[in-house]
Amino acid sequence: ALAACAKPAAAPLNFERPPAPVEAAVASGRDVAVYIDAIG
């Protein structure tokens, strides 16, 4: 047991986080209007 404990530690693994799955949309330039919302 002592001999086993005296063995050097194994080298760490090279871990890389996987790409995050997302949904995206393209920002668009459009003519809109300035407005006021109300309840009538």
Full PDB file with SEQRES, HELIX, SHEET, SSBOND, CRYST1, ORIGX, SCALE, CONECT and MASTER records, all heavy atoms in Angstrom:
SEQRES   1 A   40  ALA LEU ALA ALA CYS ALA LYS PRO ALA ALA ALA PRO LEU          
SEQRES   2 A   40  ASN PHE GLU ARG PRO PRO ALA PRO VAL GLU ALA ALA VAL          
SEQRES   3 A   40  ALA SER GLY ARG ASP VAL ALA VAL TYR ILE ASP ALA ILE          
SEQRES   4 A   40  GLY                                                          
HELIX    1 AA1 LEU A    2  CYS A    5  1                                   4    
CRYST1    1.000    1.000    1.000  90.00  90.00  90.00 P 1           1          
ORIGX1      1.000000  0.000000  0.000000        0.00000                         
ORIGX2      0.000000  1.000000  0.000000        0.00000                         
ORIGX3      0.000000  0.000000  1.000000        0.00000                         
SCALE1      1.000000  0.000000  0.000000        0.00000                         
SCALE2      0.000000  1.000000  0.000000        0.00000                         
SCALE3      0.000000  0.000000  1.000000        0.00000                         
ATOM      1  N   ALA A   1       0.842  -1.209   0.000  1.00  0.00           N  
ATOM      2  CA  ALA A   1       0.000   0.000   0.000  1.00  0.00           C  
ATOM      3  C   ALA A   1       0.864   1.241   0.000  1.00  0.00           C  
ATOM      4  O   ALA A   1       0.579   2.222  -0.701  1.00  0.00           O  
ATOM      5  CB  ALA A   1      -0.951  -0.012   1.201  1.00  0.00           C  
ATOM      6  N   LEU A   2       1.896   1.232   0.833  1.00  0.00           N  
ATOM      7  CA  LEU A   2       2.779   2.408   0.871  1.00  0.00           C  
ATOM      8  C   LEU A   2       3.476   2.622  -0.467  1.00  0.00           C  
ATOM      9  O   LEU A   2       3.648   3.753  -0.912  1.00  0.00           O  
ATOM     10  CB  LEU A   2       3.804   2.232   1.984  1.00  0.00           C  
ATOM     11  CG  LEU A   2       3.236   2.315   3.417  1.00  0.00           C  
ATOM     12  CD1 LEU A   2       4.310   1.975   4.441  1.00  0.00           C  
ATOM     13  CD2 LEU A   2       2.672   3.705   3.678  1.00  0.00           C  
ATOM     14  N   ALA A   3       3.856   1.528  -1.083  1.00  0.00           N  
ATOM     15  CA  ALA A   3       4.509   1.664  -2.380  1.00  0.00           C  
ATOM     16  C   ALA A   3       3.565   2.262  -3.423  1.00  0.00           C  
ATOM     17  O   ALA A   3       3.957   3.072  -4.257  1.00  0.00           O  
ATOM     18  CB  ALA A   3       5.009   0.303  -2.844  1.00  0.00           C  
ATOM     19  N   ALA A   4       2.288   1.880  -3.351  1.00  0.00           N  
ATOM     20  CA  ALA A   4       1.302   2.422  -4.308  1.00  0.00           C  
ATOM     21  C   ALA A   4       1.089   3.900  -4.085  1.00  0.00           C  
ATOM     22  O   ALA A   4       0.959   4.679  -5.026  1.00  0.00           O  
ATOM     23  CB  ALA A   4      -0.024   1.654  -4.191  1.00  0.00           C  
ATOM     24  N   CYS A   5       1.026   4.297  -2.811  1.00  0.00           N  
ATOM     25  CA  CYS A   5       0.811   5.718  -2.510  1.00  0.00           C  
ATOM     26  C   CYS A   5       2.002   6.547  -2.925  1.00  0.00           C  
ATOM     27  O   CYS A   5       1.890   7.740  -3.200  1.00  0.00           O  
ATOM     28  CB  CYS A   5       0.541   5.903  -1.022  1.00  0.00           C  
ATOM     29  SG  CYS A   5      -1.056   5.217  -0.517  1.00  0.00           S  
ATOM     30  N   ALA A   6       3.129   5.975  -2.979  1.00  0.00           N  
ATOM     31  CA  ALA A   6       4.331   6.725  -3.314  1.00  0.00           C  
ATOM     32  C   ALA A   6       4.488   6.966  -4.802  1.00  0.00           C  
ATOM     33  O   ALA A   6       5.353   7.703  -5.222  1.00  0.00           O  
ATOM     34  CB  ALA A   6       5.558   5.959  -2.778  1.00  0.00           C  
ATOM     35  N   LYS A   7       3.592   6.365  -5.665  1.00  0.00           N  
ATOM     36  CA  LYS A   7       3.693   6.550  -7.109  1.00  0.00           C  
ATOM     37  C   LYS A   7       3.288   7.987  -7.489  1.00  0.00           C  
ATOM     38  O   LYS A   7       2.374   8.566  -6.887  1.00  0.00           O  
ATOM     39  CB  LYS A   7       2.794   5.566  -7.852  1.00  0.00           C  
ATOM     40  CG  LYS A   7       3.303   4.143  -7.753  1.00  0.00           C  
ATOM     41  CD  LYS A   7       2.388   3.231  -8.545  1.00  0.00           C  
ATOM     42  CE  LYS A   7       2.909   1.779  -8.499  1.00  0.00           C  
ATOM     43  NZ  LYS A   7       2.023   0.876  -9.255  1.00  0.00           N  
ATOM     44  N   PRO A   8       3.956   8.575  -8.457  1.00  0.00           N  
ATOM     45  CA  PRO A   8       3.597   9.946  -8.879  1.00  0.00           C  
ATOM     46  C   PRO A   8       2.188   9.988  -9.474  1.00  0.00           C  
ATOM     47  O   PRO A   8       1.718   9.045 -10.084  1.00  0.00           O  
ATOM     48  CB  PRO A   8       4.657  10.277  -9.926  1.00  0.00           C  
ATOM     49  CG  PRO A   8       5.132   8.951 -10.431  1.00  0.00           C  
ATOM     50  CD  PRO A   8       5.037   8.016  -9.290  1.00  0.00           C  
ATOM     51  N   ALA A   9       1.411  11.229  -9.278  1.00  0.00           N  
ATOM     52  CA  ALA A   9       0.020  11.397  -9.784  1.00  0.00           C  
ATOM     53  C   ALA A   9       0.022  11.454 -11.296  1.00  0.00           C  
ATOM     54  O   ALA A   9       0.966  11.928 -11.930  1.00  0.00           O  
ATOM     55  CB  ALA A   9      -0.593  12.676  -9.224  1.00  0.00           C  
ATOM     56  N   ALA A  10      -1.120  10.998 -11.873  1.00  0.00           N  
ATOM     57  CA  ALA A  10      -1.258  11.019 -13.333  1.00  0.00           C  
ATOM     58  C   ALA A  10      -1.448  12.451 -13.828  1.00  0.00           C  
ATOM     59  O   ALA A  10      -2.016  13.301 -13.141  1.00  0.00           O  
ATOM     60  CB  ALA A  10      -2.449  10.153 -13.759  1.00  0.00           C  
ATOM     61  N   ALA A  11      -0.992  12.755 -15.022  1.00  0.00           N  
ATOM     62  CA  ALA A  11      -1.136  14.095 -15.617  1.00  0.00           C  
ATOM     63  C   ALA A  11      -2.604  14.409 -15.870  1.00  0.00           C  
ATOM     64  O   ALA A  11      -3.369  13.538 -16.271  1.00  0.00           O  
ATOM     65  CB  ALA A  11      -0.351  14.142 -16.920  1.00  0.00           C  
ATOM     66  N   PRO A  12      -3.116  15.692 -15.612  1.00  0.00           N  
ATOM     67  CA  PRO A  12      -4.534  16.050 -15.804  1.00  0.00           C  
ATOM     68  C   PRO A  12      -4.926  15.999 -17.291  1.00  0.00           C  
ATOM     69  O   PRO A  12      -4.109  16.268 -18.165  1.00  0.00           O  
ATOM     70  CB  PRO A  12      -4.597  17.472 -15.269  1.00  0.00           C  
ATOM     71  CG  PRO A  12      -3.204  18.003 -15.368  1.00  0.00           C  
ATOM     72  CD  PRO A  12      -2.308  16.822 -15.152  1.00  0.00           C  
ATOM     73  N   LEU A  13      -6.250  15.677 -17.526  1.00  0.00           N  
ATOM     74  CA  LEU A  13      -6.768  15.627 -18.895  1.00  0.00           C  
ATOM     75  C   LEU A  13      -6.969  17.041 -19.438  1.00  0.00           C  
ATOM     76  O   LEU A  13      -7.304  17.985 -18.701  1.00  0.00           O  
ATOM     77  CB  LEU A  13      -8.097  14.865 -18.934  1.00  0.00           C  
ATOM     78  CG  LEU A  13      -8.037  13.384 -18.506  1.00  0.00           C  
ATOM     79  CD1 LEU A  13      -9.439  12.812 -18.469  1.00  0.00           C  
ATOM     80  CD2 LEU A  13      -7.145  12.606 -19.466  1.00  0.00           C  
ATOM     81  N   ASN A  14      -6.820  17.279 -20.733  1.00  0.00           N  
ATOM     82  CA  ASN A  14      -7.034  18.578 -21.393  1.00  0.00           C  
ATOM     83  C   ASN A  14      -8.529  18.709 -21.750  1.00  0.00           C  
ATOM     84  O   ASN A  14      -8.949  18.352 -22.848  1.00  0.00           O  
ATOM     85  CB  ASN A  14      -6.161  18.654 -22.640  1.00  0.00           C  
ATOM     86  CG  ASN A  14      -6.227  20.050 -23.266  1.00  0.00           C  
ATOM     87  OD1 ASN A  14      -6.700  20.987 -22.628  1.00  0.00           O  
ATOM     88  ND2 ASN A  14      -5.740  20.155 -24.499  1.00  0.00           N  
ATOM     89  N   PHE A  15      -9.419  19.317 -20.809  1.00  0.00           N  
ATOM     90  CA  PHE A  15     -10.886  19.380 -20.978  1.00  0.00           C  
ATOM     91  C   PHE A  15     -11.281  20.682 -21.688  1.00  0.00           C  
ATOM     92  O   PHE A  15     -10.836  21.768 -21.303  1.00  0.00           O  
ATOM     93  CB  PHE A  15     -11.578  19.317 -19.618  1.00  0.00           C  
ATOM     94  CG  PHE A  15     -13.062  19.467 -19.695  1.00  0.00           C  
ATOM     95  CD1 PHE A  15     -13.865  18.423 -20.128  1.00  0.00           C  
ATOM     96  CD2 PHE A  15     -13.655  20.677 -19.374  1.00  0.00           C  
ATOM     97  CE1 PHE A  15     -15.234  18.576 -20.203  1.00  0.00           C  
ATOM     98  CE2 PHE A  15     -15.013  20.829 -19.451  1.00  0.00           C  
ATOM     99  CZ  PHE A  15     -15.810  19.764 -19.865  1.00  0.00           C  
ATOM    100  N   GLU A  16     -12.137  20.602 -22.713  1.00  0.00           N  
ATOM    101  CA  GLU A  16     -12.660  21.784 -23.431  1.00  0.00           C  
ATOM    102  C   GLU A  16     -14.189  21.730 -23.407  1.00  0.00           C  
ATOM    103  O   GLU A  16     -14.797  20.715 -23.750  1.00  0.00           O  
ATOM    104  CB  GLU A  16     -12.172  21.795 -24.883  1.00  0.00           C  
ATOM    105  CG  GLU A  16     -12.653  23.019 -25.654  1.00  0.00           C  
ATOM    106  CD  GLU A  16     -12.107  23.050 -27.062  1.00  0.00           C  
ATOM    107  OE1 GLU A  16     -11.311  22.165 -27.417  1.00  0.00           O  
ATOM    108  OE2 GLU A  16     -12.504  23.984 -27.817  1.00  0.00           O  
ATOM    109  N   ARG A  17     -14.819  22.887 -22.961  1.00  0.00           N  
ATOM    110  CA  ARG A  17     -16.284  22.956 -22.848  1.00  0.00           C  
ATOM    111  C   ARG A  17     -16.911  22.857 -24.242  1.00  0.00           C  
ATOM    112  O   ARG A  17     -16.489  23.576 -25.162  1.00  0.00           O  
ATOM    113  CB  ARG A  17     -16.695  24.267 -22.187  1.00  0.00           C  
ATOM    114  CG  ARG A  17     -18.190  24.368 -21.909  1.00  0.00           C  
ATOM    115  CD  ARG A  17     -18.476  25.588 -21.061  1.00  0.00           C  
ATOM    116  NE  ARG A  17     -19.895  25.662 -20.761  1.00  0.00           N  
ATOM    117  CZ  ARG A  17     -20.453  26.556 -19.948  1.00  0.00           C  
ATOM    118  NH1 ARG A  17     -19.657  27.449 -19.358  1.00  0.00           N  
ATOM    119  NH2 ARG A  17     -21.728  26.558 -19.719  1.00  0.00           N  
ATOM    120  N   PRO A  18     -17.942  22.044 -24.409  1.00  0.00           N  
ATOM    121  CA  PRO A  18     -18.571  21.907 -25.727  1.00  0.00           C  
ATOM    122  C   PRO A  18     -19.323  23.184 -26.089  1.00  0.00           C  
ATOM    123  O   PRO A  18     -19.756  23.941 -25.210  1.00  0.00           O  
ATOM    124  CB  PRO A  18     -19.523  20.726 -25.549  1.00  0.00           C  
ATOM    125  CG  PRO A  18     -19.812  20.694 -24.094  1.00  0.00           C  
ATOM    126  CD  PRO A  18     -18.551  21.156 -23.406  1.00  0.00           C  
ATOM    127  N   PRO A  19     -19.526  23.462 -27.369  1.00  0.00           N  
ATOM    128  CA  PRO A  19     -20.282  24.653 -27.788  1.00  0.00           C  
ATOM    129  C   PRO A  19     -21.705  24.632 -27.222  1.00  0.00           C  
ATOM    130  O   PRO A  19     -22.363  23.587 -27.163  1.00  0.00           O  
ATOM    131  CB  PRO A  19     -20.291  24.563 -29.310  1.00  0.00           C  
ATOM    132  CG  PRO A  19     -19.136  23.678 -29.650  1.00  0.00           C  
ATOM    133  CD  PRO A  19     -19.021  22.691 -28.523  1.00  0.00           C  
ATOM    134  N   ALA A  20     -22.153  25.800 -26.800  1.00  0.00           N  
ATOM    135  CA  ALA A  20     -23.514  25.912 -26.246  1.00  0.00           C  
ATOM    136  C   ALA A  20     -24.527  25.931 -27.388  1.00  0.00           C  
ATOM    137  O   ALA A  20     -24.392  26.720 -28.329  1.00  0.00           O  
ATOM    138  CB  ALA A  20     -23.639  27.176 -25.411  1.00  0.00           C  
ATOM    139  N   PRO A  21     -25.556  25.083 -27.325  1.00  0.00           N  
ATOM    140  CA  PRO A  21     -26.584  25.101 -28.373  1.00  0.00           C  
ATOM    141  C   PRO A  21     -27.495  26.325 -28.203  1.00  0.00           C  
ATOM    142  O   PRO A  21     -28.026  26.572 -27.117  1.00  0.00           O  
ATOM    143  CB  PRO A  21     -27.351  23.799 -28.142  1.00  0.00           C  
ATOM    144  CG  PRO A  21     -27.149  23.496 -26.691  1.00  0.00           C  
ATOM    145  CD  PRO A  21     -25.799  24.039 -26.306  1.00  0.00           C  
ATOM    146  N   VAL A  22     -27.662  27.106 -29.250  1.00  0.00           N  
ATOM    147  CA  VAL A  22     -28.488  28.311 -29.182  1.00  0.00           C  
ATOM    148  C   VAL A  22     -29.316  28.433 -30.455  1.00  0.00           C  
ATOM    149  O   VAL A  22     -29.061  27.763 -31.442  1.00  0.00           O  
ATOM    150  CB  VAL A  22     -27.621  29.582 -29.014  1.00  0.00           C  
ATOM    151  CG1 VAL A  22     -26.845  29.553 -27.705  1.00  0.00           C  
ATOM    152  CG2 VAL A  22     -26.675  29.750 -30.205  1.00  0.00           C  
ATOM    153  N   GLU A  23     -30.295  29.318 -30.381  1.00  0.00           N  
ATOM    154  CA  GLU A  23     -31.029  29.762 -31.565  1.00  0.00           C  
ATOM    155  C   GLU A  23     -30.744  31.236 -31.745  1.00  0.00           C  
ATOM    156  O   GLU A  23     -30.668  31.994 -30.771  1.00  0.00           O  
ATOM    157  CB  GLU A  23     -32.532  29.524 -31.411  1.00  0.00           C  
ATOM    158  CG  GLU A  23     -32.905  28.055 -31.354  1.00  0.00           C  
ATOM    159  CD  GLU A  23     -34.413  27.857 -31.230  1.00  0.00           C  
ATOM    160  OE1 GLU A  23     -35.145  28.844 -31.447  1.00  0.00           O  
ATOM    161  OE2 GLU A  23     -34.838  26.739 -30.909  1.00  0.00           O  
ATOM    162  N   ALA A  24     -30.605  31.671 -32.980  1.00  0.00           N  
ATOM    163  CA  ALA A  24     -30.233  33.052 -33.255  1.00  0.00           C  
ATOM    164  C   ALA A  24     -31.162  33.642 -34.308  1.00  0.00           C  
ATOM    165  O   ALA A  24     -31.855  32.926 -35.025  1.00  0.00           O  
ATOM    166  CB  ALA A  24     -28.782  33.133 -33.716  1.00  0.00           C  
ATOM    167  N   ALA A  25     -31.159  34.960 -34.354  1.00  0.00           N  
ATOM    168  CA  ALA A  25     -31.923  35.682 -35.378  1.00  0.00           C  
ATOM    169  C   ALA A  25     -31.071  36.821 -35.882  1.00  0.00           C  
ATOM    170  O   ALA A  25     -30.197  37.335 -35.189  1.00  0.00           O  
ATOM    171  CB  ALA A  25     -33.234  36.204 -34.804  1.00  0.00           C  
ATOM    172  N   VAL A  26     -31.341  37.212 -37.105  1.00  0.00           N  
ATOM    173  CA  VAL A  26     -30.574  38.285 -37.734  1.00  0.00           C  
ATOM    174  C   VAL A  26     -31.235  39.624 -37.433  1.00  0.00           C  
ATOM    175  O   VAL A  26     -32.426  39.819 -37.714  1.00  0.00           O  
ATOM    176  CB  VAL A  26     -30.490  38.074 -39.255  1.00  0.00           C  
ATOM    177  CG1 VAL A  26     -29.714  39.209 -39.909  1.00  0.00           C  
ATOM    178  CG2 VAL A  26     -29.840  36.735 -39.563  1.00  0.00           C  
ATOM    179  N   ALA A  27     -30.500  40.551 -36.833  1.00  0.00           N  
ATOM    180  CA  ALA A  27     -31.019  41.897 -36.586  1.00  0.00           C  
ATOM    181  C   ALA A  27     -31.260  42.586 -37.919  1.00  0.00           C  
ATOM    182  O   ALA A  27     -30.458  42.492 -38.848  1.00  0.00           O  
ATOM    183  CB  ALA A  27     -30.030  42.696 -35.745  1.00  0.00           C  
ATOM    184  N   SER A  28     -32.384  43.262 -38.016  1.00  0.00           N  
ATOM    185  CA  SER A  28     -32.790  43.845 -39.292  1.00  0.00           C  
ATOM    186  C   SER A  28     -33.065  45.328 -39.132  1.00  0.00           C  
ATOM    187  O   SER A  28     -33.577  45.770 -38.096  1.00  0.00           O  
ATOM    188  CB  SER A  28     -34.034  43.143 -39.822  1.00  0.00           C  
ATOM    189  OG  SER A  28     -34.453  43.708 -41.038  1.00  0.00           O  
ATOM    190  N   GLY A  29     -32.732  46.084 -40.153  1.00  0.00           N  
ATOM    191  CA  GLY A  29     -33.040  47.503 -40.174  1.00  0.00           C  
ATOM    192  C   GLY A  29     -34.333  47.753 -40.923  1.00  0.00           C  
ATOM    193  O   GLY A  29     -34.429  47.435 -42.107  1.00  0.00           O  
ATOM    194  N   ARG A  30     -35.322  48.286 -40.238  1.00  0.00           N  
ATOM    195  CA  ARG A  30     -36.631  48.509 -40.857  1.00  0.00           C  
ATOM    196  C   ARG A  30     -37.183  49.856 -40.417  1.00  0.00           C  
ATOM    197  O   ARG A  30     -36.844  50.368 -39.361  1.00  0.00           O  
ATOM    198  CB  ARG A  30     -37.617  47.403 -40.480  1.00  0.00           C  
ATOM    199  CG  ARG A  30     -37.194  46.028 -40.956  1.00  0.00           C  
ATOM    200  CD  ARG A  30     -38.274  45.006 -40.647  1.00  0.00           C  
ATOM    201  NE  ARG A  30     -37.847  43.668 -41.027  1.00  0.00           N  
ATOM    202  CZ  ARG A  30     -37.939  43.194 -42.262  1.00  0.00           C  
ATOM    203  NH1 ARG A  30     -38.433  43.943 -43.221  1.00  0.00           N  
ATOM    204  NH2 ARG A  30     -37.523  41.964 -42.549  1.00  0.00           N  
ATOM    205  N   ASP A  31     -38.074  50.382 -41.251  1.00  0.00           N  
ATOM    206  CA  ASP A  31     -38.763  51.616 -40.897  1.00  0.00           C  
ATOM    207  C   ASP A  31     -39.919  51.283 -39.962  1.00  0.00           C  
ATOM    208  O   ASP A  31     -40.800  50.489 -40.301  1.00  0.00           O  
ATOM    209  CB  ASP A  31     -39.318  52.307 -42.147  1.00  0.00           C  
ATOM    210  CG  ASP A  31     -38.214  52.796 -43.067  1.00  0.00           C  
ATOM    211  OD1 ASP A  31     -37.072  52.923 -42.590  1.00  0.00           O  
ATOM    212  OD2 ASP A  31     -38.500  53.054 -44.248  1.00  0.00           O  
ATOM    213  N   VAL A  32     -39.911  51.877 -38.784  1.00  0.00           N  
ATOM    214  CA  VAL A  32     -40.994  51.685 -37.835  1.00  0.00           C  
ATOM    215  C   VAL A  32     -41.504  53.072 -37.422  1.00  0.00           C  
ATOM    216  O   VAL A  32     -41.170  54.075 -38.036  1.00  0.00           O  
ATOM    217  CB  VAL A  32     -40.522  50.877 -36.604  1.00  0.00           C  
ATOM    218  CG1 VAL A  32     -40.172  49.459 -37.011  1.00  0.00           C  
ATOM    219  CG2 VAL A  32     -39.338  51.541 -35.913  1.00  0.00           C  
ATOM    220  N   ALA A  33     -42.304  53.114 -36.409  1.00  0.00           N  
ATOM    221  CA  ALA A  33     -42.897  54.383 -35.983  1.00  0.00           C  
ATOM    222  C   ALA A  33     -42.758  54.547 -34.481  1.00  0.00           C  
ATOM    223  O   ALA A  33     -42.813  53.581 -33.724  1.00  0.00           O  
ATOM    224  CB  ALA A  33     -44.366  54.449 -36.383  1.00  0.00           C  
ATOM    225  N   VAL A  34     -42.614  55.813 -34.064  1.00  0.00           N  
ATOM    226  CA  VAL A  34     -42.680  56.148 -32.642  1.00  0.00           C  
ATOM    227  C   VAL A  34     -44.155  56.278 -32.287  1.00  0.00           C  
ATOM    228  O   VAL A  34     -44.935  56.889 -33.024  1.00  0.00           O  
ATOM    229  CB  VAL A  34     -41.933  57.461 -32.353  1.00  0.00           C  
ATOM    230  CG1 VAL A  34     -42.036  57.829 -30.875  1.00  0.00           C  
ATOM    231  CG2 VAL A  34     -40.472  57.327 -32.758  1.00  0.00           C  
ATOM    232  N   TYR A  35     -44.569  55.731 -31.179  1.00  0.00           N  
ATOM    233  CA  TYR A  35     -45.985  55.662 -30.860  1.00  0.00           C  
ATOM    234  C   TYR A  35     -46.215  55.840 -29.366  1.00  0.00           C  
ATOM    235  O   TYR A  35     -45.287  55.823 -28.558  1.00  0.00           O  
ATOM    236  CB  TYR A  35     -46.569  54.314 -31.315  1.00  0.00           C  
ATOM    237  CG  TYR A  35     -45.918  53.119 -30.640  1.00  0.00           C  
ATOM    238  CD1 TYR A  35     -46.360  52.677 -29.404  1.00  0.00           C  
ATOM    239  CD2 TYR A  35     -44.841  52.468 -31.235  1.00  0.00           C  
ATOM    240  CE1 TYR A  35     -45.754  51.599 -28.773  1.00  0.00           C  
ATOM    241  CE2 TYR A  35     -44.229  51.396 -30.618  1.00  0.00           C  
ATOM    242  CZ  TYR A  35     -44.695  50.965 -29.387  1.00  0.00           C  
ATOM    243  OH  TYR A  35     -44.083  49.914 -28.769  1.00  0.00           O  
ATOM    244  N   ILE A  36     -47.481  56.008 -29.026  1.00  0.00           N  
ATOM    245  CA  ILE A  36     -47.931  56.020 -27.632  1.00  0.00           C  
ATOM    246  C   ILE A  36     -49.050  54.998 -27.520  1.00  0.00           C  
ATOM    247  O   ILE A  36     -50.018  55.046 -28.288  1.00  0.00           O  
ATOM    248  CB  ILE A  36     -48.438  57.406 -27.202  1.00  0.00           C  
ATOM    249  CG1 ILE A  36     -47.315  58.441 -27.282  1.00  0.00           C  
ATOM    250  CG2 ILE A  36     -49.003  57.359 -25.783  1.00  0.00           C  
ATOM    251  CD1 ILE A  36     -47.778  59.863 -27.021  1.00  0.00           C  
ATOM    252  N   ASP A  37     -48.920  54.064 -26.596  1.00  0.00           N  
ATOM    253  CA  ASP A  37     -49.968  53.072 -26.358  1.00  0.00           C  
ATOM    254  C   ASP A  37     -50.874  53.530 -25.225  1.00  0.00           C  
ATOM    255  O   ASP A  37     -50.419  54.152 -24.252  1.00  0.00           O  
ATOM    256  CB  ASP A  37     -49.360  51.720 -26.004  1.00  0.00           C  
ATOM    257  CG  ASP A  37     -48.928  50.946 -27.245  1.00  0.00           C  
ATOM    258  OD1 ASP A  37     -49.410  51.285 -28.337  1.00  0.00           O  
ATOM    259  OD2 ASP A  37     -48.104  50.026 -27.117  1.00  0.00           O  
ATOM    260  N   ALA A  38     -52.143  53.226 -25.352  1.00  0.00           N  
ATOM    261  CA  ALA A  38     -53.108  53.612 -24.323  1.00  0.00           C  
ATOM    262  C   ALA A  38     -54.292  52.662 -24.371  1.00  0.00           C  
ATOM    263  O   ALA A  38     -54.461  51.895 -25.323  1.00  0.00           O  
ATOM    264  CB  ALA A  38     -53.582  55.050 -24.531  1.00  0.00           C  
ATOM    265  N   ILE A  39     -55.084  52.708 -23.328  1.00  0.00           N  
ATOM    266  CA  ILE A  39     -56.357  51.982 -23.272  1.00  0.00           C  
ATOM    267  C   ILE A  39     -57.472  53.012 -23.394  1.00  0.00           C  
ATOM    268  O   ILE A  39     -57.510  53.992 -22.651  1.00  0.00           O  
ATOM    269  CB  ILE A  39     -56.507  51.185 -21.968  1.00  0.00           C  
ATOM    270  CG1 ILE A  39     -55.426  50.122 -21.870  1.00  0.00           C  
ATOM    271  CG2 ILE A  39     -57.885  50.538 -21.908  1.00  0.00           C  
ATOM    272  CD1 ILE A  39     -55.490  49.050 -22.945  1.00  0.00           C  
ATOM    273  N   GLY A  40     -58.347  52.804 -24.368  1.00  0.00           N  
ATOM    274  CA  GLY A  40     -59.454  53.727 -24.584  1.00  0.00           C  
ATOM    275  C   GLY A  40     -60.794  53.024 -24.506  1.00  0.00           C  
ATOM    276  O   GLY A  40     -60.892  51.856 -24.133  1.00  0.00           O  
TER     277      GLY A  40                                                      
MASTER        0    0    0    1    0    0    0    6  276    1    0    4          
END                                                                             
